[in-house]
Amino acid sequence: MLTSKQRAFLRSLAMNEDTIVMIGKGGMSDAILKQADDALKARELIKGKVLETADLSSREAAEQIALATNSEVVQVIGSKWVLYRRNPDEPKIQLPKARKK
């Protein structure tokens, strides 16, 4: 579970990322899920977009992909969304430490 500070940090990193996953009128497919999974493994942070022709909202798409890829939804704004999943073998992004309660 990401803290609000970690989420804000990831949102700032995502601003410079390219949109690499697009969902169109074909909707969610195994190919899109595999593409997202592979991208998360390589990058840890991905940005995607739901086109106007798609039959699902960007929030629904982000949550479905997050569930299927065991990642976390960082942000959903309009038709774009950002997902994060730490790579346990080769972490690339160093998140701010969570405060201890």
N, C-alpha and C. Protein backbone atom coordinates (compact mmCIF):
# COMPACT_ATOMS: atom_id res chain seq x y z
N MET A 1 0.83 -1.18 0.00
CA MET A 1 0.00 0.00 0.00
C MET A 1 0.88 1.25 0.00
N LEU A 2 0.61 2.14 -0.91
CA LEU A 2 1.39 3.36 -1.03
C LEU A 2 0.87 4.45 -0.09
N THR A 3 1.79 5.22 0.48
CA THR A 3 1.39 6.36 1.29
C THR A 3 1.13 7.54 0.36
N SER A 4 0.52 8.59 0.88
CA SER A 4 0.23 9.76 0.05
C SER A 4 1.52 10.42 -0.43
N LYS A 5 2.55 10.38 0.40
CA LYS A 5 3.85 10.96 0.01
C LYS A 5 4.47 10.15 -1.14
N GLN A 6 4.40 8.84 -1.05
CA GLN A 6 4.93 7.98 -2.11
C GLN A 6 4.13 8.17 -3.40
N ARG A 7 2.82 8.29 -3.26
CA ARG A 7 1.95 8.52 -4.42
C ARG A 7 2.31 9.83 -5.12
N ALA A 8 2.52 10.88 -4.33
CA ALA A 8 2.89 12.18 -4.88
C ALA A 8 4.24 12.10 -5.59
N PHE A 9 5.17 11.36 -5.02
CA PHE A 9 6.49 11.17 -5.64
C PHE A 9 6.35 10.46 -6.99
N LEU A 10 5.55 9.40 -7.02
CA LEU A 10 5.34 8.65 -8.26
C LEU A 10 4.61 9.49 -9.30
N ARG A 11 3.65 10.31 -8.88
CA ARG A 11 2.95 11.20 -9.83
C ARG A 11 3.93 12.16 -10.47
N SER A 12 4.88 12.68 -9.68
CA SER A 12 5.87 13.61 -10.25
C SER A 12 6.77 12.90 -11.26
N LEU A 13 7.11 11.65 -11.01
CA LEU A 13 7.92 10.89 -11.97
C LEU A 13 7.12 10.58 -13.23
N ALA A 14 5.84 10.32 -13.07
CA ALA A 14 4.99 9.93 -14.21
C ALA A 14 4.78 11.06 -15.20
N MET A 15 4.96 12.30 -14.76
CA MET A 15 4.76 13.43 -15.67
C MET A 15 5.68 13.35 -16.88
N ASN A 16 6.87 12.78 -16.71
CA ASN A 16 7.85 12.70 -17.79
C ASN A 16 7.77 11.39 -18.58
N GLU A 17 6.90 10.49 -18.16
CA GLU A 17 6.76 9.19 -18.84
C GLU A 17 5.88 9.31 -20.08
N ASP A 18 6.17 8.47 -21.05
CA ASP A 18 5.33 8.39 -22.24
C ASP A 18 4.16 7.44 -21.97
N THR A 19 3.06 7.68 -22.66
CA THR A 19 1.91 6.78 -22.56
C THR A 19 2.22 5.56 -23.42
N ILE A 20 2.28 4.39 -22.78
CA ILE A 20 2.69 3.20 -23.53
C ILE A 20 1.59 2.15 -23.67
N VAL A 21 0.52 2.25 -22.89
CA VAL A 21 -0.58 1.29 -22.98
C VAL A 21 -1.83 2.05 -23.40
N MET A 22 -2.41 1.64 -24.52
CA MET A 22 -3.63 2.29 -25.01
C MET A 22 -4.74 1.24 -25.11
N ILE A 23 -5.92 1.60 -24.61
CA ILE A 23 -7.07 0.72 -24.68
C ILE A 23 -8.11 1.38 -25.56
N GLY A 24 -8.49 0.67 -26.62
CA GLY A 24 -9.44 1.22 -27.58
C GLY A 24 -10.74 0.46 -27.61
N LYS A 25 -11.36 0.43 -28.78
CA LYS A 25 -12.68 -0.20 -28.90
C LYS A 25 -12.65 -1.70 -28.67
N GLY A 26 -11.47 -2.31 -28.80
CA GLY A 26 -11.34 -3.74 -28.53
C GLY A 26 -11.47 -4.07 -27.06
N GLY A 27 -11.35 -3.06 -26.21
CA GLY A 27 -11.47 -3.26 -24.77
C GLY A 27 -10.24 -3.94 -24.19
N MET A 28 -10.41 -4.54 -23.04
CA MET A 28 -9.32 -5.21 -22.35
C MET A 28 -9.07 -6.57 -22.98
N SER A 29 -7.81 -6.85 -23.27
CA SER A 29 -7.46 -8.15 -23.87
C SER A 29 -6.25 -8.72 -23.15
N ASP A 30 -5.98 -9.99 -23.41
CA ASP A 30 -4.79 -10.63 -22.82
C ASP A 30 -3.52 -9.95 -23.30
N ALA A 31 -3.52 -9.48 -24.54
CA ALA A 31 -2.34 -8.81 -25.09
C ALA A 31 -2.05 -7.51 -24.34
N ILE A 32 -3.09 -6.76 -24.01
CA ILE A 32 -2.91 -5.51 -23.27
C ILE A 32 -2.40 -5.82 -21.86
N LEU A 33 -2.96 -6.83 -21.22
CA LEU A 33 -2.51 -7.20 -19.89
C LEU A 33 -1.06 -7.66 -19.90
N LYS A 34 -0.67 -8.42 -20.92
CA LYS A 34 0.73 -8.87 -21.03
C LYS A 34 1.65 -7.69 -21.28
N GLN A 35 1.23 -6.77 -22.14
CA GLN A 35 2.03 -5.58 -22.43
C GLN A 35 2.24 -4.76 -21.14
N ALA A 36 1.19 -4.58 -20.37
CA ALA A 36 1.28 -3.83 -19.12
C ALA A 36 2.18 -4.54 -18.12
N ASP A 37 2.03 -5.86 -18.01
CA ASP A 37 2.84 -6.65 -17.09
C ASP A 37 4.32 -6.56 -17.45
N ASP A 38 4.64 -6.72 -18.73
CA ASP A 38 6.03 -6.63 -19.19
C ASP A 38 6.61 -5.25 -18.95
N ALA A 39 5.80 -4.21 -19.21
CA ALA A 39 6.27 -2.83 -19.01
C ALA A 39 6.50 -2.55 -17.53
N LEU A 40 5.62 -3.05 -16.66
CA LEU A 40 5.81 -2.86 -15.22
C LEU A 40 7.07 -3.56 -14.74
N LYS A 41 7.36 -4.72 -15.29
CA LYS A 41 8.56 -5.44 -14.90
C LYS A 41 9.81 -4.66 -15.31
N ALA A 42 9.78 -4.06 -16.50
CA ALA A 42 10.94 -3.33 -17.00
C ALA A 42 11.07 -1.93 -16.41
N ARG A 43 9.93 -1.24 -16.22
CA ARG A 43 9.97 0.17 -15.82
C ARG A 43 9.51 0.48 -14.42
N GLU A 44 8.66 -0.37 -13.85
CA GLU A 44 8.01 -0.19 -12.55
C GLU A 44 6.89 0.84 -12.56
N LEU A 45 6.95 1.84 -13.42
CA LEU A 45 5.94 2.90 -13.47
C LEU A 45 5.50 3.05 -14.92
N ILE A 46 4.18 2.89 -15.17
CA ILE A 46 3.70 3.02 -16.55
C ILE A 46 2.51 3.97 -16.60
N LYS A 47 2.35 4.56 -17.77
CA LYS A 47 1.22 5.46 -18.00
C LYS A 47 0.41 4.88 -19.14
N GLY A 48 -0.90 4.91 -19.00
CA GLY A 48 -1.78 4.40 -20.04
C GLY A 48 -2.92 5.35 -20.32
N LYS A 49 -3.65 5.04 -21.37
CA LYS A 49 -4.76 5.90 -21.78
C LYS A 49 -5.90 5.03 -22.29
N VAL A 50 -7.12 5.46 -22.02
CA VAL A 50 -8.30 4.82 -22.56
C VAL A 50 -8.86 5.74 -23.63
N LEU A 51 -8.95 5.24 -24.84
CA LEU A 51 -9.45 6.04 -25.95
C LEU A 51 -10.96 6.21 -25.86
N GLU A 52 -11.48 7.22 -26.54
CA GLU A 52 -12.92 7.51 -26.48
C GLU A 52 -13.78 6.36 -27.01
N THR A 53 -13.21 5.54 -27.90
CA THR A 53 -13.97 4.44 -28.49
C THR A 53 -14.11 3.25 -27.55
N ALA A 54 -13.40 3.24 -26.44
CA ALA A 54 -13.44 2.11 -25.51
C ALA A 54 -14.77 2.10 -24.76
N ASP A 55 -15.17 0.90 -24.34
CA ASP A 55 -16.45 0.76 -23.64
C ASP A 55 -16.30 0.75 -22.12
N LEU A 56 -15.12 1.11 -21.60
CA LEU A 56 -14.94 1.18 -20.17
C LEU A 56 -14.24 2.49 -19.80
N SER A 57 -14.40 2.91 -18.55
CA SER A 57 -13.81 4.17 -18.11
C SER A 57 -12.32 3.97 -17.80
N SER A 58 -11.61 5.05 -17.67
CA SER A 58 -10.18 4.95 -17.37
C SER A 58 -9.97 4.37 -15.97
N ARG A 59 -10.86 4.70 -15.02
CA ARG A 59 -10.76 4.15 -13.67
C ARG A 59 -10.96 2.63 -13.69
N GLU A 60 -11.96 2.17 -14.44
CA GLU A 60 -12.21 0.72 -14.56
C GLU A 60 -11.02 0.02 -15.20
N ALA A 61 -10.47 0.60 -16.25
CA ALA A 61 -9.33 0.00 -16.94
C ALA A 61 -8.13 -0.09 -16.03
N ALA A 62 -7.83 1.01 -15.32
CA ALA A 62 -6.68 1.04 -14.42
C ALA A 62 -6.83 -0.01 -13.32
N GLU A 63 -8.03 -0.12 -12.75
CA GLU A 63 -8.24 -1.08 -11.67
C GLU A 63 -8.17 -2.52 -12.16
N GLN A 64 -8.68 -2.78 -13.37
CA GLN A 64 -8.61 -4.14 -13.93
C GLN A 64 -7.16 -4.54 -14.20
N ILE A 65 -6.39 -3.63 -14.79
CA ILE A 65 -4.98 -3.94 -15.08
C ILE A 65 -4.20 -4.08 -13.78
N ALA A 66 -4.46 -3.22 -12.81
CA ALA A 66 -3.77 -3.30 -11.51
C ALA A 66 -4.04 -4.64 -10.84
N LEU A 67 -5.28 -5.08 -10.88
CA LEU A 67 -5.65 -6.36 -10.28
C LEU A 67 -4.96 -7.52 -11.00
N ALA A 68 -4.95 -7.48 -12.33
CA ALA A 68 -4.37 -8.57 -13.12
C ALA A 68 -2.84 -8.61 -13.03
N THR A 69 -2.21 -7.45 -12.81
CA THR A 69 -0.74 -7.40 -12.80
C THR A 69 -0.17 -7.25 -11.39
N ASN A 70 -1.03 -7.27 -10.38
CA ASN A 70 -0.60 -7.12 -8.99
C ASN A 70 0.16 -5.81 -8.77
N SER A 71 -0.37 -4.74 -9.36
CA SER A 71 0.24 -3.42 -9.22
C SER A 71 -0.73 -2.48 -8.50
N GLU A 72 -0.33 -1.22 -8.33
CA GLU A 72 -1.17 -0.25 -7.63
C GLU A 72 -1.49 0.92 -8.53
N VAL A 73 -2.73 1.39 -8.46
CA VAL A 73 -3.13 2.58 -9.21
C VAL A 73 -2.56 3.79 -8.47
N VAL A 74 -1.75 4.57 -9.17
CA VAL A 74 -1.17 5.77 -8.58
C VAL A 74 -2.08 6.95 -8.80
N GLN A 75 -2.62 7.05 -10.03
CA GLN A 75 -3.40 8.22 -10.40
C GLN A 75 -4.29 7.91 -11.59
N VAL A 76 -5.46 8.53 -11.61
CA VAL A 76 -6.35 8.51 -12.77
C VAL A 76 -6.83 9.93 -12.98
N ILE A 77 -6.50 10.50 -14.13
CA ILE A 77 -6.96 11.85 -14.47
C ILE A 77 -7.50 11.80 -15.89
N GLY A 78 -8.78 12.12 -16.04
CA GLY A 78 -9.40 12.10 -17.36
C GLY A 78 -9.30 10.72 -17.97
N SER A 79 -8.69 10.63 -19.14
CA SER A 79 -8.57 9.34 -19.82
C SER A 79 -7.24 8.65 -19.54
N LYS A 80 -6.37 9.27 -18.76
CA LYS A 80 -5.04 8.70 -18.48
C LYS A 80 -4.96 8.16 -17.07
N TRP A 81 -4.09 7.15 -16.92
CA TRP A 81 -3.88 6.53 -15.62
C TRP A 81 -2.42 6.13 -15.47
N VAL A 82 -1.99 5.96 -14.23
CA VAL A 82 -0.61 5.60 -13.92
C VAL A 82 -0.64 4.43 -12.95
N LEU A 83 0.20 3.41 -13.23
CA LEU A 83 0.32 2.25 -12.36
C LEU A 83 1.76 2.07 -11.91
N TYR A 84 1.93 1.47 -10.72
CA TYR A 84 3.26 1.21 -10.18
C TYR A 84 3.32 -0.20 -9.60
N ARG A 85 4.43 -0.87 -9.87
CA ARG A 85 4.71 -2.16 -9.23
C ARG A 85 6.22 -2.27 -9.06
N ARG A 86 6.65 -2.46 -7.83
CA ARG A 86 8.08 -2.58 -7.55
C ARG A 86 8.62 -3.88 -8.12
N ASN A 87 9.78 -3.79 -8.74
CA ASN A 87 10.46 -4.98 -9.23
C ASN A 87 11.30 -5.52 -8.09
N PRO A 88 10.98 -6.71 -7.55
CA PRO A 88 11.71 -7.22 -6.38
C PRO A 88 13.17 -7.57 -6.69
N ASP A 89 13.47 -7.91 -7.94
CA ASP A 89 14.83 -8.31 -8.30
C ASP A 89 15.74 -7.12 -8.59
N GLU A 90 15.24 -6.16 -9.37
CA GLU A 90 16.04 -5.00 -9.76
C GLU A 90 15.22 -3.72 -9.61
N PRO A 91 15.04 -3.23 -8.37
CA PRO A 91 14.25 -2.01 -8.21
C PRO A 91 14.93 -0.81 -8.86
N LYS A 92 14.16 -0.01 -9.60
CA LYS A 92 14.69 1.16 -10.29
C LYS A 92 14.29 2.45 -9.59
N ILE A 93 13.13 2.44 -8.92
CA ILE A 93 12.61 3.63 -8.28
C ILE A 93 12.75 3.47 -6.77
N GLN A 94 13.40 4.45 -6.14
CA GLN A 94 13.55 4.45 -4.68
C GLN A 94 12.45 5.34 -4.10
N LEU A 95 11.44 4.71 -3.49
CA LEU A 95 10.33 5.45 -2.91
C LEU A 95 10.74 6.12 -1.59
N PRO A 96 10.14 7.27 -1.25
CA PRO A 96 10.36 7.85 0.06
C PRO A 96 9.89 6.87 1.14
N LYS A 97 10.57 6.85 2.25
CA LYS A 97 10.23 5.92 3.33
C LYS A 97 8.88 6.29 3.95
N ALA A 98 8.13 5.27 4.30
CA ALA A 98 6.85 5.49 4.97
C ALA A 98 7.13 5.77 6.46
N ARG A 99 6.38 6.68 7.02
CA ARG A 99 6.55 7.00 8.45
C ARG A 99 6.06 5.85 9.31
N LYS A 100 6.76 5.63 10.38
CA LYS A 100 6.32 4.60 11.33
C LYS A 100 5.31 5.23 12.29
N LYS A 101 4.29 4.46 12.61
CA LYS A 101 3.23 4.98 13.48
C LYS A 101 3.57 4.79 14.93
